[in-house]
Amino acid sequence: MGYGFGGFLLVVGLVLALAVTDQIEGVDLTMVGWIMAAVGAVVIVLTAVTWNSGRRARTVETVTNPDGTQTTVERRSQT
């Protein structure tokens, strides 16, 4: 899932909620449209948060101990 799927759900949901006047017995198309639009917006937000979480800066430090072994430490900054 990503921006494309979220955008698709948002657009189809808004079309169902705002533009479709047909009725199906037992199904409220307006409510289905609002639900789809909300899910599409959530997918877009989650995609943005997920993709931006990998862009944080990180530093890797390798320390050589007196006995000759090496220790590697990775730090991530929250910028």
C-alpha atoms as a PDB file:
ATOM      1  CA  MET A   1       0.000   0.000   0.000  1.00  0.00           C
ATOM      2  CA  GLY A   2       1.117   3.524  -0.517  1.00  0.00           C
ATOM      3  CA  TYR A   3       0.150   6.905  -1.795  1.00  0.00           C
ATOM      4  CA  GLY A   4      -1.534   5.474  -4.880  1.00  0.00           C
ATOM      5  CA  PHE A   5      -3.816   3.087  -3.014  1.00  0.00           C
ATOM      6  CA  GLY A   6      -4.654   5.728  -0.399  1.00  0.00           C
ATOM      7  CA  GLY A   7      -5.446   8.257  -3.107  1.00  0.00           C
ATOM      8  CA  PHE A   8      -7.609   5.721  -4.937  1.00  0.00           C
ATOM      9  CA  LEU A   9      -9.624   4.966  -1.793  1.00  0.00           C
ATOM     10  CA  LEU A  10      -9.977   8.666  -1.037  1.00  0.00           C
ATOM     11  CA  VAL A  11     -11.224   9.556  -4.519  1.00  0.00           C
ATOM     12  CA  VAL A  12     -13.618   6.623  -4.853  1.00  0.00           C
ATOM     13  CA  GLY A  13     -14.928   7.244  -1.357  1.00  0.00           C
ATOM     14  CA  LEU A  14     -15.578  10.915  -2.024  1.00  0.00           C
ATOM     15  CA  VAL A  15     -17.322  10.103  -5.306  1.00  0.00           C
ATOM     16  CA  LEU A  16     -19.572   7.609  -3.531  1.00  0.00           C
ATOM     17  CA  ALA A  17     -20.258   9.995  -0.650  1.00  0.00           C
ATOM     18  CA  LEU A  18     -20.882  13.156  -2.636  1.00  0.00           C
ATOM     19  CA  ALA A  19     -21.840  12.295  -6.204  1.00  0.00           C
ATOM     20  CA  VAL A  20     -23.688   8.993  -6.320  1.00  0.00           C
ATOM     21  CA  THR A  21     -27.441   9.232  -5.807  1.00  0.00           C
ATOM     22  CA  ASP A  22     -28.339   5.628  -6.618  1.00  0.00           C
ATOM     23  CA  GLN A  23     -29.566   3.407  -3.833  1.00  0.00           C
ATOM     24  CA  ILE A  24     -28.968  -0.252  -3.106  1.00  0.00           C
ATOM     25  CA  GLU A  25     -31.370  -1.954  -0.734  1.00  0.00           C
ATOM     26  CA  GLY A  26     -29.683  -2.476   2.623  1.00  0.00           C
ATOM     27  CA  VAL A  27     -26.529  -0.494   1.727  1.00  0.00           C
ATOM     28  CA  ASP A  28     -25.968   3.170   2.510  1.00  0.00           C
ATOM     29  CA  LEU A  29     -23.600   4.214  -0.293  1.00  0.00           C
ATOM     30  CA  THR A  30     -23.000   7.605   1.290  1.00  0.00           C
ATOM     31  CA  MET A  31     -21.696   6.012   4.505  1.00  0.00           C
ATOM     32  CA  VAL A  32     -19.616   3.498   2.557  1.00  0.00           C
ATOM     33  CA  GLY A  33     -18.104   6.420   0.666  1.00  0.00           C
ATOM     34  CA  TRP A  34     -17.204   8.337   3.837  1.00  0.00           C
ATOM     35  CA  ILE A  35     -15.651   5.220   5.345  1.00  0.00           C
ATOM     36  CA  MET A  36     -13.567   4.627   2.211  1.00  0.00           C
ATOM     37  CA  ALA A  37     -12.460   8.277   2.161  1.00  0.00           C
ATOM     38  CA  ALA A  38     -11.408   8.103   5.817  1.00  0.00           C
ATOM     39  CA  VAL A  39      -9.468   4.881   5.274  1.00  0.00           C
ATOM     40  CA  GLY A  40      -7.758   6.424   2.241  1.00  0.00           C
ATOM     41  CA  ALA A  41      -6.702   9.456   4.273  1.00  0.00           C
ATOM     42  CA  VAL A  42      -5.335   7.208   7.037  1.00  0.00           C
ATOM     43  CA  VAL A  43      -3.364   5.155   4.497  1.00  0.00           C
ATOM     44  CA  ILE A  44      -1.832   8.330   3.051  1.00  0.00           C
ATOM     45  CA  VAL A  45      -0.836   9.601   6.511  1.00  0.00           C
ATOM     46  CA  LEU A  46       0.625   6.240   7.559  1.00  0.00           C
ATOM     47  CA  THR A  47       2.587   6.008   4.315  1.00  0.00           C
ATOM     48  CA  ALA A  48       4.059   9.482   4.875  1.00  0.00           C
ATOM     49  CA  VAL A  49       5.011   8.668   8.470  1.00  0.00           C
ATOM     50  CA  THR A  50       6.546   5.319   7.525  1.00  0.00           C
ATOM     51  CA  TRP A  51       8.582   6.656   4.626  1.00  0.00           C
ATOM     52  CA  ASN A  52       9.881   9.650   6.593  1.00  0.00           C
ATOM     53  CA  SER A  53      10.956   7.559   9.572  1.00  0.00           C
ATOM     54  CA  GLY A  54      13.792   6.067   7.516  1.00  0.00           C
ATOM     55  CA  ARG A  55      15.274   9.466   6.711  1.00  0.00           C
ATOM     56  CA  ARG A  56      16.660  10.125  10.154  1.00  0.00           C
ATOM     57  CA  ALA A  57      20.384  10.748  10.375  1.00  0.00           C
ATOM     58  CA  ARG A  58      22.544   8.009  11.816  1.00  0.00           C
ATOM     59  CA  THR A  59      26.163   7.752  12.833  1.00  0.00           C
ATOM     60  CA  VAL A  60      28.259   4.615  13.099  1.00  0.00           C
ATOM     61  CA  GLU A  61      31.290   4.574  15.374  1.00  0.00           C
ATOM     62  CA  THR A  62      33.857   1.774  15.506  1.00  0.00           C
ATOM     63  CA  VAL A  63      36.072   1.618  18.574  1.00  0.00           C
ATOM     64  CA  THR A  64      39.204  -0.552  18.757  1.00  0.00           C
ATOM     65  CA  ASN A  65      39.684  -1.874  22.288  1.00  0.00           C
ATOM     66  CA  PRO A  66      43.165  -2.360  23.851  1.00  0.00           C
ATOM     67  CA  ASP A  67      42.875  -6.140  23.411  1.00  0.00           C
ATOM     68  CA  GLY A  68      42.416  -5.741  19.633  1.00  0.00           C
ATOM     69  CA  THR A  69      38.670  -6.362  19.462  1.00  0.00           C
ATOM     70  CA  GLN A  70      36.400  -3.848  17.789  1.00  0.00           C
ATOM     71  CA  THR A  71      33.044  -2.561  18.966  1.00  0.00           C
ATOM     72  CA  THR A  72      30.578  -0.887  16.611  1.00  0.00           C
ATOM     73  CA  VAL A  73      27.934   1.507  17.931  1.00  0.00           C
ATOM     74  CA  GLU A  74      25.112   2.911  15.787  1.00  0.00           C
ATOM     75  CA  ARG A  75      23.205   6.023  16.846  1.00  0.00           C
ATOM     76  CA  ARG A  76      20.112   7.504  15.218  1.00  0.00           C
ATOM     77  CA  SER A  77      19.212  11.141  15.662  1.00  0.00           C
ATOM     78  CA  GLN A  78      15.636  12.434  15.763  1.00  0.00           C
ATOM     79  CA  THR A  79      16.064  15.403  13.414  1.00  0.00           C
END
